[in-house]
């Protein structure tokens, strides 16, 4: 694992625990020699993450749509800021540059991004670890929903178990580094199976 793609909010959120965790995660990655790939922002948790990793001597690569640079949202102090034309291009570029994926607290953009790469893992489109930093229980409602999806047989137990969840940055990084996924074929259910 050389680089981790990190999704996080462009706001700070309601709790100071979120910014503290973003800073701790950025610092922990840098100390381990892990580069960070993220959305390229200078604001909210994205900015805190990038600043902490840079202050600890880490590599930080931002990938950001040109429209957001024009709005002065881009972080111009990162190791490399890669402008792209669309959100789709941004997500693909971030994924291509990364060996693992982690979501810190965030909003619908963060949720959409981490669920997409978790879906790609389920489909075998990649075998890279996917994790949640469950700061102060932030992701508990999502975890309950995923449990419900498993219990209702929309996610297999094996695929459900592929998501790595921890509340502490160092523990999450340890588990991601130890994760070796193998492709698990998603079952095919036809109309005759339900009869």
Protein backbone atom coordinates (compact mmCIF):
# COMPACT_ATOMS: atom_id res chain seq x y z
CA UNK A 1 0.00 0.00 0.00
CA UNK A 2 1.63 3.21 -1.23
CA UNK A 3 -1.27 5.66 -1.45
CA UNK A 4 -4.71 5.90 0.12
CA UNK A 5 -7.67 7.66 -1.45
CA UNK A 6 -9.48 9.58 1.27
CA UNK A 7 -12.99 10.93 0.97
CA UNK A 8 -14.09 13.57 3.48
CA UNK A 9 -16.34 16.54 3.97
CA UNK A 10 -15.75 20.01 2.59
CA UNK A 11 -17.31 21.26 5.84
CA UNK A 12 -16.10 20.76 9.41
CA UNK A 13 -19.30 19.16 10.72
CA UNK A 14 -20.92 19.67 14.09
CA UNK A 15 -18.26 18.05 16.27
CA UNK A 16 -14.63 19.09 16.77
CA UNK A 17 -13.86 15.35 16.88
CA UNK A 18 -14.18 15.21 13.10
CA UNK A 19 -11.42 17.74 12.39
CA UNK A 20 -9.22 16.17 15.06
CA UNK A 21 -9.64 12.76 13.42
CA UNK A 22 -8.93 14.17 9.94
CA UNK A 23 -5.70 15.73 11.23
CA UNK A 24 -4.72 12.53 13.05
CA UNK A 25 -5.39 10.44 9.95
CA UNK A 26 -3.34 12.73 7.71
CA UNK A 27 -0.46 12.70 10.19
CA UNK A 28 -0.61 8.92 10.62
CA UNK A 29 -0.49 8.36 6.85
CA UNK A 30 2.51 10.66 6.46
CA UNK A 31 4.40 9.00 9.31
CA UNK A 32 3.90 5.62 7.63
CA UNK A 33 5.11 6.94 4.29
CA UNK A 34 1.64 6.60 2.77
CA UNK A 35 0.68 9.17 0.19
CA UNK A 36 -2.80 10.68 0.25
CA UNK A 37 -5.02 11.09 -2.78
CA UNK A 38 -8.05 13.27 -2.10
CA UNK A 39 -10.47 15.70 -3.68
CA UNK A 40 -8.02 18.60 -3.76
CA UNK A 41 -9.93 21.00 -1.54
CA UNK A 42 -8.54 23.51 0.94
CA UNK A 43 -11.76 23.74 2.94
CA UNK A 44 -13.40 21.74 5.73
CA UNK A 45 -12.08 18.32 6.68
CA UNK A 46 -10.41 18.03 3.27
CA UNK A 47 -8.19 21.00 4.10
CA UNK A 48 -7.46 19.77 7.62
CA UNK A 49 -6.45 16.34 6.29
CA UNK A 50 -4.16 17.78 3.62
CA UNK A 51 -2.55 20.33 5.91
CA UNK A 52 -1.80 17.75 8.60
CA UNK A 53 -0.25 15.30 6.14
CA UNK A 54 1.85 18.04 4.53
CA UNK A 55 3.02 19.32 7.93
CA UNK A 56 4.20 15.77 8.74
CA UNK A 57 6.15 15.57 5.48
CA UNK A 58 3.66 13.46 3.54
CA UNK A 59 2.78 13.34 -0.14
CA UNK A 60 -0.65 14.80 -0.89
CA UNK A 61 -2.18 14.60 -4.37
CA UNK A 62 -5.39 16.50 -5.00
CA UNK A 63 -7.72 15.78 -7.92
CA UNK A 64 -10.23 18.53 -8.52
CA UNK A 65 -12.59 19.68 -11.27
CA UNK A 66 -11.49 22.89 -12.97
CA UNK A 67 -14.80 24.54 -12.02
CA UNK A 68 -13.94 24.11 -8.33
CA UNK A 69 -10.49 25.62 -8.86
CA UNK A 70 -12.21 28.62 -10.43
CA UNK A 71 -14.31 28.93 -7.24
CA UNK A 72 -11.02 29.06 -5.26
CA UNK A 73 -11.71 25.77 -3.47
CA UNK A 74 -8.45 24.12 -4.56
CA UNK A 75 -5.51 23.59 -2.20
CA UNK A 76 -2.46 25.11 -3.87
CA UNK A 77 0.01 23.88 -1.26
CA UNK A 78 -0.31 20.17 -2.02
CA UNK A 79 2.40 18.04 -3.61
CA UNK A 80 0.41 17.88 -6.83
CA UNK A 81 -2.96 19.34 -7.81
CA UNK A 82 -4.46 17.56 -10.83
CA UNK A 83 -7.24 19.48 -12.63
CA UNK A 84 -9.92 17.42 -14.39
CA UNK A 85 -13.02 18.22 -16.40
CA UNK A 86 -15.71 16.28 -14.53
CA UNK A 87 -16.61 14.52 -11.31
CA UNK A 88 -16.54 11.18 -13.14
CA UNK A 89 -12.99 11.83 -14.31
CA UNK A 90 -12.03 12.95 -10.81
CA UNK A 91 -13.28 9.75 -9.18
CA UNK A 92 -11.63 7.49 -11.75
CA UNK A 93 -8.31 9.33 -11.49
CA UNK A 94 -8.38 9.14 -7.69
CA UNK A 95 -9.10 5.42 -7.83
CA UNK A 96 -6.35 4.77 -10.36
CA UNK A 97 -3.77 6.53 -8.18
CA UNK A 98 -4.72 4.69 -4.99
CA UNK A 99 -4.17 1.31 -3.34
CA UNK A 100 -6.96 1.64 -0.74
CA UNK A 101 -9.97 3.83 0.04
CA UNK A 102 -11.10 5.44 3.29
CA UNK A 103 -14.06 7.67 4.13
CA UNK A 104 -13.85 10.14 6.99
CA UNK A 105 -17.02 11.93 8.09
CA UNK A 106 -18.67 13.90 5.30
CA UNK A 107 -21.84 14.58 3.40
CA UNK A 108 -23.58 13.07 0.40
CA UNK A 109 -20.52 13.41 -1.83
CA UNK A 110 -18.38 11.45 0.63
CA UNK A 111 -21.11 8.84 1.01
CA UNK A 112 -21.58 8.47 -2.74
CA UNK A 113 -17.85 8.08 -3.35
CA UNK A 114 -17.20 5.44 -0.70
CA UNK A 115 -20.32 3.45 -1.58
CA UNK A 116 -19.28 3.50 -5.24
CA UNK A 117 -15.81 2.03 -4.54
CA UNK A 118 -17.38 -0.49 -2.15
CA UNK A 119 -19.70 -1.48 -5.01
CA UNK A 120 -16.71 -1.83 -7.34
CA UNK A 121 -15.11 -4.13 -4.76
CA UNK A 122 -18.28 -6.23 -4.54
CA UNK A 123 -18.32 -6.54 -8.33
CA UNK A 124 -14.63 -7.45 -8.48
CA UNK A 125 -13.73 -4.35 -10.50
CA UNK A 126 -10.90 -3.83 -8.00
CA UNK A 127 -9.61 -5.76 -4.97
CA UNK A 128 -8.38 -2.77 -2.97
CA UNK A 129 -9.35 -2.36 0.71
CA UNK A 130 -12.25 -0.02 1.52
CA UNK A 131 -12.65 1.43 5.00
CA UNK A 132 -14.61 3.83 7.16
CA UNK A 133 -13.10 5.90 9.96
CA UNK A 134 -16.09 5.77 12.28
CA UNK A 135 -15.31 8.91 14.28
CA UNK A 136 -17.53 9.32 17.34
CA UNK A 137 -19.99 6.82 15.85
CA UNK A 138 -20.57 8.97 12.75
CA UNK A 139 -21.12 5.98 10.47
CA UNK A 140 -23.35 3.94 12.82
CA UNK A 141 -26.57 4.72 10.87
CA UNK A 142 -24.92 3.61 7.61
CA UNK A 143 -23.59 0.45 9.25
CA UNK A 144 -27.08 -0.39 10.49
CA UNK A 145 -28.42 0.09 6.96
CA UNK A 146 -25.72 -2.20 5.53
CA UNK A 147 -26.55 -4.79 8.20
CA UNK A 148 -30.21 -4.53 7.18
CA UNK A 149 -29.29 -5.00 3.51
CA UNK A 150 -27.30 -8.10 4.46
CA UNK A 151 -30.11 -9.45 6.62
CA UNK A 152 -32.59 -8.85 3.79
CA UNK A 153 -30.24 -10.73 1.42
CA UNK A 154 -29.30 -7.83 -0.85
CA UNK A 155 -25.64 -8.02 0.24
CA UNK A 156 -23.98 -11.37 0.84
CA UNK A 157 -22.34 -11.85 4.24
CA UNK A 158 -18.95 -12.20 2.51
CA UNK A 159 -19.30 -8.93 0.61
CA UNK A 160 -20.66 -7.21 3.73
CA UNK A 161 -17.54 -8.32 5.60
CA UNK A 162 -15.23 -6.71 3.03
CA UNK A 163 -15.81 -3.23 4.49
CA UNK A 164 -13.21 -2.36 7.15
CA UNK A 165 -14.48 -0.17 9.98
CA UNK A 166 -12.48 1.30 12.87
CA UNK A 167 -12.78 4.36 15.09
CA UNK A 168 -9.01 5.02 15.47
CA UNK A 169 -6.72 6.03 12.56
CA UNK A 170 -3.82 3.74 13.46
CA UNK A 171 -6.03 0.67 13.87
CA UNK A 172 -7.75 1.36 10.58
CA UNK A 173 -4.42 1.73 8.77
CA UNK A 174 -3.12 -1.51 10.34
CA UNK A 175 -6.18 -3.43 9.18
CA UNK A 176 -6.13 -1.96 5.68
CA UNK A 177 -2.45 -2.86 5.31
CA UNK A 178 -3.22 -6.46 6.33
CA UNK A 179 -6.24 -6.80 4.00
CA UNK A 180 -5.88 -9.04 0.96
CA UNK A 181 -9.17 -9.36 -0.92
CA UNK A 182 -9.89 -12.10 -3.41
CA UNK A 183 -12.68 -11.88 -5.94
CA UNK A 184 -15.98 -13.24 -4.68
CA UNK A 185 -18.53 -13.69 -7.43
CA UNK A 186 -21.78 -11.88 -6.75
CA UNK A 187 -24.65 -14.39 -6.97
CA UNK A 188 -27.06 -14.14 -9.89
CA UNK A 189 -30.74 -14.40 -8.94
CA UNK A 190 -33.19 -15.00 -11.76
CA UNK A 191 -36.97 -14.68 -11.69
CA UNK A 192 -37.32 -18.48 -11.50
CA UNK A 193 -35.30 -18.47 -8.24
CA UNK A 194 -38.00 -16.44 -6.49
CA UNK A 195 -40.85 -18.72 -7.55
